[in-house]
Amino acid sequence: MKLNHLNLTTSEVAALAGFFTSHFGFELVAMRGKDAFAILRGADGFALNLMMPGKGEPATYPDNFHVGFFVGKPDLVHSKQAELAEAGFAPGEAQDLTRGGVDSTSFYCLAPGGILIEVSSLQA
């Protein structure tokens, strides 16, 4: 079994689509309904759908909800953090953490629409 897709609700569909295509290697497959629904595809075929919330509803997520990306080496975490800072997204500082006995390097960043993004790698 393979995870096929994820739907994220956001009031900033076009901006969030731009964030994922510019900084995380997604391809925009389709944008529909005056920037109300976007279909993105990752290099591995994973589909990321972005959609406006229902009429009059806010786009909300529970505390600690985030989308995590894994890269191969800690220096790639630092490079991505610098890239997002350069692009004006104000990511948090990369930190060395131990979670569940595993050492990792990670940072968090708020993407357009308030979606929290994590970028991490295992430490060598």
PDB file of N, CA and C in Angstrom:
ATOM      1  N   MET A   1       0.852  -1.171   0.000  1.00  0.00           N
ATOM      2  CA  MET A   1       0.000   0.000   0.000  1.00  0.00           C
ATOM      3  C   MET A   1       0.901   1.239   0.000  1.00  0.00           C
ATOM      4  N   LYS A   2       0.486   2.240  -0.731  1.00  0.00           N
ATOM      5  CA  LYS A   2       1.262   3.475  -0.871  1.00  0.00           C
ATOM      6  C   LYS A   2       0.355   4.662  -0.588  1.00  0.00           C
ATOM      7  N   LEU A   3       0.845   5.624   0.168  1.00  0.00           N
ATOM      8  CA  LEU A   3       0.091   6.858   0.385  1.00  0.00           C
ATOM      9  C   LEU A   3      -0.006   7.580  -0.951  1.00  0.00           C
ATOM     10  N   ASN A   4      -1.213   7.882  -1.386  1.00  0.00           N
ATOM     11  CA  ASN A   4      -1.462   8.406  -2.715  1.00  0.00           C
ATOM     12  C   ASN A   4      -1.548   9.927  -2.770  1.00  0.00           C
ATOM     13  N   HIS A   5      -2.262  10.541  -1.817  1.00  0.00           N
ATOM     14  CA  HIS A   5      -2.439  11.983  -1.874  1.00  0.00           C
ATOM     15  C   HIS A   5      -2.793  12.543  -0.500  1.00  0.00           C
ATOM     16  N   LEU A   6      -2.735  13.859  -0.433  1.00  0.00           N
ATOM     17  CA  LEU A   6      -3.098  14.605   0.761  1.00  0.00           C
ATOM     18  C   LEU A   6      -3.838  15.850   0.309  1.00  0.00           C
ATOM     19  N   ASN A   7      -4.930  16.165   0.975  1.00  0.00           N
ATOM     20  CA  ASN A   7      -5.651  17.414   0.729  1.00  0.00           C
ATOM     21  C   ASN A   7      -5.362  18.371   1.870  1.00  0.00           C
ATOM     22  N   LEU A   8      -4.928  19.570   1.549  1.00  0.00           N
ATOM     23  CA  LEU A   8      -4.750  20.624   2.539  1.00  0.00           C
ATOM     24  C   LEU A   8      -5.731  21.744   2.221  1.00  0.00           C
ATOM     25  N   THR A   9      -6.367  22.260   3.242  1.00  0.00           N
ATOM     26  CA  THR A   9      -7.291  23.378   3.087  1.00  0.00           C
ATOM     27  C   THR A   9      -6.554  24.660   3.445  1.00  0.00           C
ATOM     28  N   THR A  10      -6.668  25.649   2.586  1.00  0.00           N
ATOM     29  CA  THR A  10      -6.001  26.926   2.813  1.00  0.00           C
ATOM     30  C   THR A  10      -6.763  28.051   2.117  1.00  0.00           C
ATOM     31  N   SER A  11      -6.731  29.218   2.707  1.00  0.00           N
ATOM     32  CA  SER A  11      -7.342  30.380   2.058  1.00  0.00           C
ATOM     33  C   SER A  11      -6.389  30.995   1.035  1.00  0.00           C
ATOM     34  N   GLU A  12      -5.164  30.460   0.936  1.00  0.00           N
ATOM     35  CA  GLU A  12      -4.148  30.992   0.023  1.00  0.00           C
ATOM     36  C   GLU A  12      -3.658  29.897  -0.928  1.00  0.00           C
ATOM     37  N   VAL A  13      -4.559  29.355  -1.720  1.00  0.00           N
ATOM     38  CA  VAL A  13      -4.231  28.236  -2.604  1.00  0.00           C
ATOM     39  C   VAL A  13      -3.075  28.571  -3.549  1.00  0.00           C
ATOM     40  N   ALA A  14      -3.159  29.678  -4.256  1.00  0.00           N
ATOM     41  CA  ALA A  14      -2.130  30.018  -5.243  1.00  0.00           C
ATOM     42  C   ALA A  14      -0.770  30.244  -4.578  1.00  0.00           C
ATOM     43  N   ALA A  15      -0.751  30.956  -3.462  1.00  0.00           N
ATOM     44  CA  ALA A  15       0.516  31.227  -2.774  1.00  0.00           C
ATOM     45  C   ALA A  15       1.127  29.945  -2.224  1.00  0.00           C
ATOM     46  N   LEU A  16       0.312  29.065  -1.661  1.00  0.00           N
ATOM     47  CA  LEU A  16       0.832  27.804  -1.126  1.00  0.00           C
ATOM     48  C   LEU A  16       1.316  26.903  -2.260  1.00  0.00           C
ATOM     49  N   ALA A  17       0.596  26.891  -3.383  1.00  0.00           N
ATOM     50  CA  ALA A  17       1.050  26.127  -4.548  1.00  0.00           C
ATOM     51  C   ALA A  17       2.407  26.645  -5.019  1.00  0.00           C
ATOM     52  N   GLY A  18       2.577  27.952  -5.058  1.00  0.00           N
ATOM     53  CA  GLY A  18       3.856  28.547  -5.443  1.00  0.00           C
ATOM     54  C   GLY A  18       4.977  28.164  -4.493  1.00  0.00           C
ATOM     55  N   PHE A  19       4.673  28.125  -3.207  1.00  0.00           N
ATOM     56  CA  PHE A  19       5.650  27.731  -2.187  1.00  0.00           C
ATOM     57  C   PHE A  19       6.137  26.298  -2.440  1.00  0.00           C
ATOM     58  N   PHE A  20       5.193  25.377  -2.641  1.00  0.00           N
ATOM     59  CA  PHE A  20       5.574  23.980  -2.845  1.00  0.00           C
ATOM     60  C   PHE A  20       6.276  23.753  -4.185  1.00  0.00           C
ATOM     61  N   THR A  21       5.876  24.485  -5.233  1.00  0.00           N
ATOM     62  CA  THR A  21       6.544  24.298  -6.523  1.00  0.00           C
ATOM     63  C   THR A  21       7.925  24.954  -6.539  1.00  0.00           C
ATOM     64  N   SER A  22       8.063  26.095  -5.917  1.00  0.00           N
ATOM     65  CA  SER A  22       9.342  26.810  -5.927  1.00  0.00           C
ATOM     66  C   SER A  22      10.382  26.210  -4.989  1.00  0.00           C
ATOM     67  N   HIS A  23       9.943  25.663  -3.867  1.00  0.00           N
ATOM     68  CA  HIS A  23      10.906  25.264  -2.842  1.00  0.00           C
ATOM     69  C   HIS A  23      10.930  23.779  -2.506  1.00  0.00           C
ATOM     70  N   PHE A  24       9.952  23.004  -2.973  1.00  0.00           N
ATOM     71  CA  PHE A  24       9.902  21.591  -2.599  1.00  0.00           C
ATOM     72  C   PHE A  24       9.715  20.652  -3.786  1.00  0.00           C
ATOM     73  N   GLY A  25       9.946  21.145  -4.988  1.00  0.00           N
ATOM     74  CA  GLY A  25      10.007  20.293  -6.155  1.00  0.00           C
ATOM     75  C   GLY A  25       8.700  19.750  -6.685  1.00  0.00           C
ATOM     76  N   PHE A  26       7.575  20.315  -6.259  1.00  0.00           N
ATOM     77  CA  PHE A  26       6.289  19.877  -6.787  1.00  0.00           C
ATOM     78  C   PHE A  26       6.026  20.536  -8.140  1.00  0.00           C
ATOM     79  N   GLU A  27       5.238  19.871  -8.961  1.00  0.00           N
ATOM     80  CA  GLU A  27       4.805  20.399 -10.246  1.00  0.00           C
ATOM     81  C   GLU A  27       3.318  20.744 -10.145  1.00  0.00           C
ATOM     82  N   LEU A  28       2.956  21.912 -10.641  1.00  0.00           N
ATOM     83  CA  LEU A  28       1.537  22.276 -10.684  1.00  0.00           C
ATOM     84  C   LEU A  28       0.897  21.545 -11.858  1.00  0.00           C
ATOM     85  N   VAL A  29      -0.061  20.667 -11.567  1.00  0.00           N
ATOM     86  CA  VAL A  29      -0.762  19.902 -12.595  1.00  0.00           C
ATOM     87  C   VAL A  29      -1.994  20.656 -13.077  1.00  0.00           C
ATOM     88  N   ALA A  30      -2.723  21.265 -12.140  1.00  0.00           N
ATOM     89  CA  ALA A  30      -3.939  21.997 -12.508  1.00  0.00           C
ATOM     90  C   ALA A  30      -4.282  23.007 -11.423  1.00  0.00           C
ATOM     91  N   MET A  31      -4.855  24.124 -11.867  1.00  0.00           N
ATOM     92  CA  MET A  31      -5.401  25.136 -10.960  1.00  0.00           C
ATOM     93  C   MET A  31      -6.814  25.388 -11.452  1.00  0.00           C
ATOM     94  N   ARG A  32      -7.775  25.262 -10.570  1.00  0.00           N
ATOM     95  CA  ARG A  32      -9.175  25.377 -10.974  1.00  0.00           C
ATOM     96  C   ARG A  32      -9.918  26.400 -10.129  1.00  0.00           C
ATOM     97  N   GLY A  33     -11.020  26.914 -10.695  1.00  0.00           N
ATOM     98  CA  GLY A  33     -11.955  27.747  -9.949  1.00  0.00           C
ATOM     99  C   GLY A  33     -11.393  29.004  -9.357  1.00  0.00           C
ATOM    100  N   LYS A  34     -10.751  29.860 -10.146  1.00  0.00           N
ATOM    101  CA  LYS A  34     -10.200  31.127  -9.648  1.00  0.00           C
ATOM    102  C   LYS A  34      -9.291  30.903  -8.440  1.00  0.00           C
ATOM    103  N   ASP A  35      -8.302  30.038  -8.608  1.00  0.00           N
ATOM    104  CA  ASP A  35      -7.324  29.705  -7.554  1.00  0.00           C
ATOM    105  C   ASP A  35      -7.976  29.084  -6.320  1.00  0.00           C
ATOM    106  N   ALA A  36      -9.033  28.320  -6.523  1.00  0.00           N
ATOM    107  CA  ALA A  36      -9.729  27.683  -5.400  1.00  0.00           C
ATOM    108  C   ALA A  36      -9.296  26.244  -5.173  1.00  0.00           C
ATOM    109  N   PHE A  37      -8.652  25.626  -6.164  1.00  0.00           N
ATOM    110  CA  PHE A  37      -8.244  24.230  -6.045  1.00  0.00           C
ATOM    111  C   PHE A  37      -7.023  23.994  -6.916  1.00  0.00           C
ATOM    112  N   ALA A  38      -5.970  23.455  -6.316  1.00  0.00           N
ATOM    113  CA  ALA A  38      -4.744  23.153  -7.063  1.00  0.00           C
ATOM    114  C   ALA A  38      -4.385  21.691  -6.872  1.00  0.00           C
ATOM    115  N   ILE A  39      -3.894  21.096  -7.935  1.00  0.00           N
ATOM    116  CA  ILE A  39      -3.357  19.741  -7.870  1.00  0.00           C
ATOM    117  C   ILE A  39      -1.870  19.842  -8.163  1.00  0.00           C
ATOM    118  N   LEU A  40      -1.070  19.359  -7.219  1.00  0.00           N
ATOM    119  CA  LEU A  40       0.380  19.346  -7.371  1.00  0.00           C
ATOM    120  C   LEU A  40       0.843  17.896  -7.385  1.00  0.00           C
ATOM    121  N   ARG A  41       1.952  17.649  -8.054  1.00  0.00           N
ATOM    122  CA  ARG A  41       2.510  16.303  -8.079  1.00  0.00           C
ATOM    123  C   ARG A  41       3.986  16.373  -7.715  1.00  0.00           C
ATOM    124  N   GLY A  42       4.381  15.475  -6.799  1.00  0.00           N
ATOM    125  CA  GLY A  42       5.778  15.351  -6.435  1.00  0.00           C
ATOM    126  C   GLY A  42       6.514  14.462  -7.417  1.00  0.00           C
ATOM    127  N   ALA A  43       7.837  14.464  -7.365  1.00  0.00           N
ATOM    128  CA  ALA A  43       8.657  13.662  -8.269  1.00  0.00           C
ATOM    129  C   ALA A  43       8.345  12.174  -8.155  1.00  0.00           C
ATOM    130  N   ASP A  44       7.875  11.744  -6.987  1.00  0.00           N
ATOM    131  CA  ASP A  44       7.554  10.332  -6.775  1.00  0.00           C
ATOM    132  C   ASP A  44       6.107   9.994  -7.143  1.00  0.00           C
ATOM    133  N   GLY A  45       5.364  10.968  -7.693  1.00  0.00           N
ATOM    134  CA  GLY A  45       3.977  10.747  -8.081  1.00  0.00           C
ATOM    135  C   GLY A  45       2.960  11.096  -7.011  1.00  0.00           C
ATOM    136  N   PHE A  46       3.423  11.441  -5.812  1.00  0.00           N
ATOM    137  CA  PHE A  46       2.516  11.817  -4.732  1.00  0.00           C
ATOM    138  C   PHE A  46       1.728  13.059  -5.136  1.00  0.00           C
ATOM    139  N   ALA A  47       0.415  13.035  -4.927  1.00  0.00           N
ATOM    140  CA  ALA A  47      -0.442  14.176  -5.273  1.00  0.00           C
ATOM    141  C   ALA A  47      -0.743  14.991  -4.015  1.00  0.00           C
ATOM    142  N   LEU A  48      -0.538  16.276  -4.106  1.00  0.00           N
ATOM    143  CA  LEU A  48      -0.851  17.215  -3.025  1.00  0.00           C
ATOM    144  C   LEU A  48      -1.925  18.143  -3.553  1.00  0.00           C
ATOM    145  N   ASN A  49      -3.106  18.056  -2.978  1.00  0.00           N
ATOM    146  CA  ASN A  49      -4.241  18.882  -3.397  1.00  0.00           C
ATOM    147  C   ASN A  49      -4.414  20.019  -2.391  1.00  0.00           C
ATOM    148  N   LEU A  50      -4.569  21.205  -2.910  1.00  0.00           N
ATOM    149  CA  LEU A  50      -4.774  22.391  -2.080  1.00  0.00           C
ATOM    150  C   LEU A  50      -6.140  22.948  -2.434  1.00  0.00           C
ATOM    151  N   MET A  51      -6.948  23.215  -1.405  1.00  0.00           N
ATOM    152  CA  MET A  51      -8.302  23.684  -1.682  1.00  0.00           C
ATOM    153  C   MET A  51      -8.752  24.727  -0.675  1.00  0.00           C
ATOM    154  N   MET A  52      -9.593  25.626  -1.158  1.00  0.00           N
ATOM    155  CA  MET A  52     -10.194  26.632  -0.282  1.00  0.00           C
ATOM    156  C   MET A  52     -11.112  25.916   0.702  1.00  0.00           C
ATOM    157  N   PRO A  53     -11.256  26.458   1.908  1.00  0.00           N
ATOM    158  CA  PRO A  53     -12.214  25.864   2.849  1.00  0.00           C
ATOM    159  C   PRO A  53     -13.646  26.092   2.353  1.00  0.00           C
ATOM    160  N   GLY A  54     -14.590  25.383   2.949  1.00  0.00           N
ATOM    161  CA  GLY A  54     -16.000  25.570   2.596  1.00  0.00           C
ATOM    162  C   GLY A  54     -16.414  27.015   2.790  1.00  0.00           C
ATOM    163  N   LYS A  55     -17.428  27.424   2.094  1.00  0.00           N
ATOM    164  CA  LYS A  55     -17.889  28.813   2.135  1.00  0.00           C
ATOM    165  C   LYS A  55     -18.143  29.258   3.577  1.00  0.00           C
ATOM    166  N   GLY A  56     -17.460  30.322   3.970  1.00  0.00           N
ATOM    167  CA  GLY A  56     -17.628  30.876   5.304  1.00  0.00           C
ATOM    168  C   GLY A  56     -16.899  30.126   6.403  1.00  0.00           C
ATOM    169  N   GLU A  57     -16.166  29.068   6.054  1.00  0.00           N
ATOM    170  CA  GLU A  57     -15.437  28.295   7.057  1.00  0.00           C
ATOM    171  C   GLU A  57     -13.965  28.697   7.059  1.00  0.00           C
ATOM    172  N   PRO A  58     -13.329  28.714   8.232  1.00  0.00           N
ATOM    173  CA  PRO A  58     -11.895  29.000   8.275  1.00  0.00           C
ATOM    174  C   PRO A  58     -11.092  27.736   7.945  1.00  0.00           C
ATOM    175  N   ALA A  59      -9.884  27.930   7.489  1.00  0.00           N
ATOM    176  CA  ALA A  59      -8.966  26.810   7.283  1.00  0.00           C
ATOM    177  C   ALA A  59      -8.195  26.633   8.587  1.00  0.00           C
ATOM    178  N   THR A  60      -8.543  25.635   9.364  1.00  0.00           N
ATOM    179  CA  THR A  60      -7.892  25.427  10.661  1.00  0.00           C
ATOM    180  C   THR A  60      -7.366  24.005  10.769  1.00  0.00           C
ATOM    181  N   TYR A  61      -6.326  23.860  11.577  1.00  0.00           N
ATOM    182  CA  TYR A  61      -5.724  22.565  11.848  1.00  0.00           C
ATOM    183  C   TYR A  61      -5.474  22.457  13.346  1.00  0.00           C
ATOM    184  N   PRO A  62      -5.406  21.247  13.868  1.00  0.00           N
ATOM    185  CA  PRO A  62      -5.125  21.087  15.295  1.00  0.00           C
ATOM    186  C   PRO A  62      -3.699  21.523  15.632  1.00  0.00           C
ATOM    187  N   ASP A  63      -3.465  21.833  16.898  1.00  0.00           N
ATOM    188  CA  ASP A  63      -2.116  22.169  17.347  1.00  0.00           C
ATOM    189  C   ASP A  63      -1.156  21.062  16.938  1.00  0.00           C
ATOM    190  N   ASN A  64       0.033  21.449  16.577  1.00  0.00           N
ATOM    191  CA  ASN A  64       1.127  20.545  16.199  1.00  0.00           C
ATOM    192  C   ASN A  64       0.945  19.883  14.836  1.00  0.00           C
ATOM    193  N   PHE A  65      -0.148  20.166  14.106  1.00  0.00           N
ATOM    194  CA  PHE A  65      -0.284  19.632  12.753  1.00  0.00           C
ATOM    195  C   PHE A  65       0.809  20.249  11.895  1.00  0.00           C
ATOM    196  N   HIS A  66       1.465  19.432  11.090  1.00  0.00           N
ATOM    197  CA  HIS A  66       2.467  19.939  10.164  1.00  0.00           C
ATOM    198  C   HIS A  66       2.688  18.946   9.037  1.00  0.00           C
ATOM    199  N   VAL A  67       3.361  19.421   8.005  1.00  0.00           N
ATOM    200  CA  VAL A  67       3.758  18.604   6.873  1.00  0.00           C
ATOM    201  C   VAL A  67       5.270  18.470   6.961  1.00  0.00           C
ATOM    202  N   GLY A  68       5.760  17.235   6.974  1.00  0.00           N
ATOM    203  CA  GLY A  68       7.190  17.004   7.149  1.00  0.00           C
ATOM    204  C   GLY A  68       7.873  16.533   5.877  1.00  0.00           C
ATOM    205  N   PHE A  69       9.035  17.100   5.620  1.00  0.00           N
ATOM    206  CA  PHE A  69       9.887  16.686   4.504  1.00  0.00           C
ATOM    207  C   PHE A  69      11.190  16.159   5.078  1.00  0.00           C
ATOM    208  N   PHE A  70      11.670  15.072   4.494  1.00  0.00           N
ATOM    209  CA  PHE A  70      12.906  14.444   4.936  1.00  0.00           C
ATOM    210  C   PHE A  70      13.941  14.585   3.830  1.00  0.00           C
ATOM    211  N   VAL A  71      15.120  15.056   4.195  1.00  0.00           N
ATOM    212  CA  VAL A  71      16.242  15.148   3.257  1.00  0.00           C
ATOM    213  C   VAL A  71      17.373  14.274   3.771  1.00  0.00           C
ATOM    214  N   GLY A  72      18.326  13.953   2.900  1.00  0.00           N
ATOM    215  CA  GLY A  72      19.339  12.961   3.210  1.00  0.00           C
ATOM    216  C   GLY A  72      20.408  13.353   4.212  1.00  0.00           C
ATOM    217  N   LYS A  73      20.765  14.629   4.299  1.00  0.00           N
ATOM    218  CA  LYS A  73      21.890  15.043   5.141  1.00  0.00           C
ATOM    219  C   LYS A  73      21.574  16.346   5.874  1.00  0.00           C
ATOM    220  N   PRO A  74      22.169  16.531   7.047  1.00  0.00           N
ATOM    221  CA  PRO A  74      21.946  17.785   7.784  1.00  0.00           C
ATOM    222  C   PRO A  74      22.309  19.040   6.994  1.00  0.00           C
ATOM    223  N   ASP A  75      23.352  18.965   6.129  1.00  0.00           N
ATOM    224  CA  ASP A  75      23.706  20.170   5.377  1.00  0.00           C
ATOM    225  C   ASP A  75      22.592  20.572   4.409  1.00  0.00           C
ATOM    226  N   LEU A  76      21.779  19.608   3.960  1.00  0.00           N
ATOM    227  CA  LEU A  76      20.629  19.938   3.109  1.00  0.00           C
ATOM    228  C   LEU A  76      19.524  20.631   3.901  1.00  0.00           C
ATOM    229  N   VAL A  77      19.392  20.283   5.178  1.00  0.00           N
ATOM    230  CA  VAL A  77      18.445  20.983   6.058  1.00  0.00           C
ATOM    231  C   VAL A  77      18.865  22.447   6.173  1.00  0.00           C
ATOM    232  N   HIS A  78      20.149  22.670   6.421  1.00  0.00           N
ATOM    233  CA  HIS A  78      20.657  24.042   6.554  1.00  0.00           C
ATOM    234  C   HIS A  78      20.508  24.817   5.238  1.00  0.00           C
ATOM    235  N   SER A  79      20.751  24.148   4.113  1.00  0.00           N
ATOM    236  CA  SER A  79      20.593  24.805   2.804  1.00  0.00           C
ATOM    237  C   SER A  79      19.148  25.208   2.561  1.00  0.00           C
ATOM    238  N   LYS A  80      18.202  24.326   2.886  1.00  0.00           N
ATOM    239  CA  LYS A  80      16.781  24.626   2.684  1.00  0.00           C
ATOM    240  C   LYS A  80      16.347  25.756   3.621  1.00  0.00           C
ATOM    241  N   GLN A  81      16.850  25.752   4.840  1.00  0.00           N
ATOM    242  CA  GLN A  81      16.522  26.816   5.795  1.00  0.00           C
ATOM    243  C   GLN A  81      17.012  28.161   5.254  1.00  0.00           C
ATOM    244  N   ALA A  82      18.232  28.193   4.719  1.00  0.00           N
ATOM    245  CA  ALA A  82      18.788  29.422   4.153  1.00  0.00           C
ATOM    246  C   ALA A  82      17.989  29.859   2.916  1.00  0.00           C
ATOM    247  N   GLU A  83      17.597  28.904   2.078  1.00  0.00           N
ATOM    248  CA  GLU A  83      16.801  29.209   0.876  1.00  0.00           C
ATOM    249  C   GLU A  83      15.472  29.861   1.241  1.00  0.00           C
ATOM    250  N   LEU A  84      14.789  29.292   2.236  1.00  0.00           N
ATOM    251  CA  LEU A  84      13.492  29.840   2.644  1.00  0.00           C
ATOM    252  C   LEU A  84      13.651  31.201   3.314  1.00  0.00           C
ATOM    253  N   ALA A  85      14.730  31.384   4.077  1.00  0.00           N
ATOM    254  CA  ALA A  85      14.996  32.689   4.685  1.00  0.00           C
ATOM    255  C   ALA A  85      15.243  33.731   3.597  1.00  0.00           C
ATOM    256  N   GLU A  86      16.042  33.373   2.605  1.00  0.00           N
ATOM    257  CA  GLU A  86      16.338  34.266   1.481  1.00  0.00           C
ATOM    258  C   GLU A  86      15.059  34.654   0.733  1.00  0.00           C
ATOM    259  N   ALA A  87      14.106  33.728   0.663  1.00  0.00           N
ATOM    260  CA  ALA A  87      12.837  33.980  -0.027  1.00  0.00           C
ATOM    261  C   ALA A  87      11.833  34.743   0.844  1.00  0.00           C
ATOM    262  N   GLY A  88      12.217  35.058   2.098  1.00  0.00           N
ATOM    263  CA  GLY A  88      11.376  35.879   2.958  1.00  0.00           C
ATOM    264  C   GLY A  88      10.367  35.132   3.804  1.00  0.00           C
ATOM    265  N   PHE A  89      10.550  33.825   3.997  1.00  0.00           N
ATOM    266  CA  PHE A  89       9.574  33.043   4.761  1.00  0.00           C
ATOM    267  C   PHE A  89       9.865  32.954   6.264  1.00  0.00           C
ATOM    268  N   ALA A  90      10.979  33.454   6.744  1.00  0.00           N
ATOM    269  CA  ALA A  90      11.319  33.478   8.170  1.00  0.00           C
ATOM    270  C   ALA A  90      11.243  32.106   8.839  1.00  0.00           C
ATOM    271  N   PRO A  91      11.975  31.120   8.312  1.00  0.00           N
ATOM    272  CA  PRO A  91      11.976  29.812   8.969  1.00  0.00           C
ATOM    273  C   PRO A  91      12.691  29.895  10.310  1.00  0.00           C
ATOM    274  N   GLY A  92      12.366  28.968  11.194  1.00  0.00           N
ATOM    275  CA  GLY A  92      13.086  28.887  12.454  1.00  0.00           C
ATOM    276  C   GLY A  92      14.498  28.390  12.213  1.00  0.00           C
ATOM    277  N   GLU A  93      15.321  28.528  13.216  1.00  0.00           N
ATOM    278  CA  GLU A  93      16.699  28.050  13.115  1.00  0.00           C
ATOM    279  C   GLU A  93      16.725  26.532  13.067  1.00  0.00           C
ATOM    280  N   ALA A  94      17.663  25.982  12.323  1.00  0.00           N
ATOM    281  CA  ALA A  94      17.865  24.534  12.312  1.00  0.00           C
ATOM    282  C   ALA A  94      18.405  24.119  13.671  1.00  0.00           C
ATOM    283  N   GLN A  95      17.875  23.030  14.200  1.00  0.00           N
ATOM    284  CA  GLN A  95      18.273  22.542  15.519  1.00  0.00           C
ATOM    285  C   GLN A  95      18.630  21.075  15.442  1.00  0.00           C
ATOM    286  N   ASP A  96      19.593  20.683  16.264  1.00  0.00           N
ATOM    287  CA  ASP A  96      19.916  19.274  16.431  1.00  0.00           C
ATOM    288  C   ASP A  96      19.055  18.746  17.563  1.00  0.00           C
ATOM    289  N   LEU A  97      18.265  17.722  17.276  1.00  0.00           N
ATOM    290  CA  LEU A  97      17.315  17.176  18.237  1.00  0.00           C
ATOM    291  C   LEU A  97      17.508  15.675  18.380  1.00  0.00           C
ATOM    292  N   THR A  98      17.081  15.152  19.517  1.00  0.00           N
ATOM    293  CA  THR A  98      17.003  13.708  19.706  1.00  0.00           C
ATOM    294  C   THR A  98      15.564  13.385  20.032  1.00  0.00           C
ATOM    295  N   ARG A  99      14.953  12.584  19.157  1.00  0.00           N
ATOM    296  CA  ARG A  99      13.562  12.182  19.354  1.00  0.00           C
ATOM    297  C   ARG A  99      13.487  10.664  19.259  1.00  0.00           C
ATOM    298  N   GLY A 100      12.998  10.053  20.315  1.00  0.00           N
ATOM    299  CA  GLY A 100      12.903   8.596  20.316  1.00  0.00           C
ATOM    300  C   GLY A 100      14.251   7.922  20.171  1.00  0.00           C
ATOM    301  N   GLY A 101      15.301   8.543  20.677  1.00  0.00           N
ATOM    302  CA  GLY A 101      16.641   7.978  20.596  1.00  0.00           C
ATOM    303  C   GLY A 101      17.332   8.189  19.258  1.00  0.00           C
ATOM    304  N   VAL A 102      16.705   8.952  18.363  1.00  0.00           N
ATOM    305  CA  VAL A 102      17.273   9.192  17.039  1.00  0.00           C
ATOM    306  C   VAL A 102      17.699  10.657  16.943  1.00  0.00           C
ATOM    307  N   ASP A 103      18.939  10.886  16.541  1.00  0.00           N
ATOM    308  CA  ASP A 103      19.448  12.243  16.375  1.00  0.00           C
ATOM    309  C   ASP A 103      19.064  12.771  15.003  1.00  0.00           C
ATOM    310  N   SER A 104      18.548  13.990  14.983  1.00  0.00           N
ATOM    311  CA  SER A 104      18.138  14.601  13.722  1.00  0.00           C
ATOM    312  C   SER A 104      18.458  16.088  13.738  1.00  0.00           C
ATOM    313  N   THR A 105      18.453  16.662  12.554  1.00  0.00           N
ATOM    314  CA  THR A 105      18.573  18.104  12.381  1.00  0.00           C
ATOM    315  C   THR A 105      17.278  18.554  11.724  1.00  0.00           C
ATOM    316  N   SER A 106      16.614  19.571  12.297  1.00  0.00           N
ATOM    317  CA  SER A 106      15.286  19.971  11.837  1.00  0.00           C
ATOM    318  C   SER A 106      15.074  21.470  11.964  1.00  0.00           C
ATOM    319  N   PHE A 107      14.159  21.984  11.151  1.00  0.00           N
ATOM    320  CA  PHE A 107      13.638  23.330  11.364  1.00  0.00           C
ATOM    321  C   PHE A 107      12.177  23.341  10.926  1.00  0.00           C
ATOM    322  N   TYR A 108      11.466  24.362  11.376  1.00  0.00           N
ATOM    323  CA  TYR A 108      10.061  24.543  11.038  1.00  0.00           C
ATOM    324  C   TYR A 108       9.888  25.906  10.377  1.00  0.00           C
ATOM    325  N   CYS A 109       8.869  25.991   9.514  1.00  0.00           N
ATOM    326  CA  CYS A 109       8.588  27.230   8.798  1.00  0.00           C
ATOM    327  C   CYS A 109       7.096  27.313   8.524  1.00  0.00           C
ATOM    328  N   LEU A 110       6.518  28.494   8.691  1.00  0.00           N
ATOM    329  CA  LEU A 110       5.125  28.699   8.312  1.00  0.00           C
ATOM    330  C   LEU A 110       5.062  29.026   6.828  1.00  0.00           C
ATOM    331  N   ALA A 111       4.314  28.215   6.104  1.00  0.00           N
ATOM    332  CA  ALA A 111       4.100  28.435   4.679  1.00  0.00           C
ATOM    333  C   ALA A 111       2.868  29.333   4.514  1.00  0.00           C
ATOM    334  N   PRO A 112       2.640  29.851   3.313  1.00  0.00           N
ATOM    335  CA  PRO A 112       1.426  30.641   3.087  1.00  0.00           C
ATOM    336  C   PRO A 112       0.176  29.883   3.536  1.00  0.00           C
ATOM    337  N   GLY A 113      -0.745  30.616   4.112  1.00  0.00           N
ATOM    338  CA  GLY A 113      -1.971  30.001   4.618  1.00  0.00           C
ATOM    339  C   GLY A 113      -1.818  29.433   6.011  1.00  0.00           C
ATOM    340  N   GLY A 114      -0.630  29.613   6.623  1.00  0.00           N
ATOM    341  CA  GLY A 114      -0.418  29.157   7.993  1.00  0.00           C
ATOM    342  C   GLY A 114      -0.125  27.677   8.137  1.00  0.00           C
ATOM    343  N   ILE A 115       0.241  26.992   7.059  1.00  0.00           N
ATOM    344  CA  ILE A 115       0.585  25.575   7.130  1.00  0.00           C
ATOM    345  C   ILE A 115       2.006  25.455   7.661  1.00  0.00           C
ATOM    346  N   LEU A 116       2.180  24.691   8.741  1.00  0.00           N
ATOM    347  CA  LEU A 116       3.501  24.496   9.329  1.00  0.00           C
ATOM    348  C   LEU A 116       4.238  23.394   8.571  1.00  0.00           C
ATOM    349  N   ILE A 117       5.477  23.690   8.179  1.00  0.00           N
ATOM    350  CA  ILE A 117       6.319  22.775   7.428  1.00  0.00           C
ATOM    351  C   ILE A 117       7.539  22.417   8.280  1.00  0.00           C
ATOM    352  N   GLU A 118       7.913  21.151   8.290  1.00  0.00           N
ATOM    353  CA  GLU A 118       9.146  20.693   8.941  1.00  0.00           C
ATOM    354  C   GLU A 118      10.060  20.130   7.879  1.00  0.00           C
ATOM    355  N   VAL A 119      11.340  20.455   7.983  1.00  0.00           N
ATOM    356  CA  VAL A 119      12.374  19.852   7.138  1.00  0.00           C
ATOM    357  C   VAL A 119      13.383  19.239   8.096  1.00  0.00           C
ATOM    358  N   SER A 120      13.684  17.955   7.897  1.00  0.00           N
ATOM    359  CA  SER A 120      14.604  17.279   8.817  1.00  0.00           C
ATOM    360  C   SER A 120      15.433  16.221   8.102  1.00  0.00           C
ATOM    361  N   SER A 121      16.484  15.805   8.776  1.00  0.00           N
ATOM    362  CA  SER A 121      17.329  14.704   8.320  1.00  0.00           C
ATOM    363  C   SER A 121      17.899  14.004   9.530  1.00  0.00           C
ATOM    364  N   LEU A 122      18.318  12.781   9.326  1.00  0.00           N
ATOM    365  CA  LEU A 122      19.038  12.072  10.390  1.00  0.00           C
ATOM    366  C   LEU A 122      20.463  12.602  10.405  1.00  0.00           C
ATOM    367  N   GLN A 123      21.057  12.598  11.581  1.00  0.00           N
ATOM    368  CA  GLN A 123      22.452  13.018  11.672  1.00  0.00           C
ATOM    369  C   GLN A 123      23.352  11.822  11.375  1.00  0.00           C
ATOM    370  N   ALA A 124      24.468  12.105  10.774  1.00  0.00           N
ATOM    371  CA  ALA A 124      25.422  11.046  10.415  1.00  0.00           C
ATOM    372  C   ALA A 124      26.115  10.491  11.644  1.00  0.00           C
TER     373      ALA A 124
END
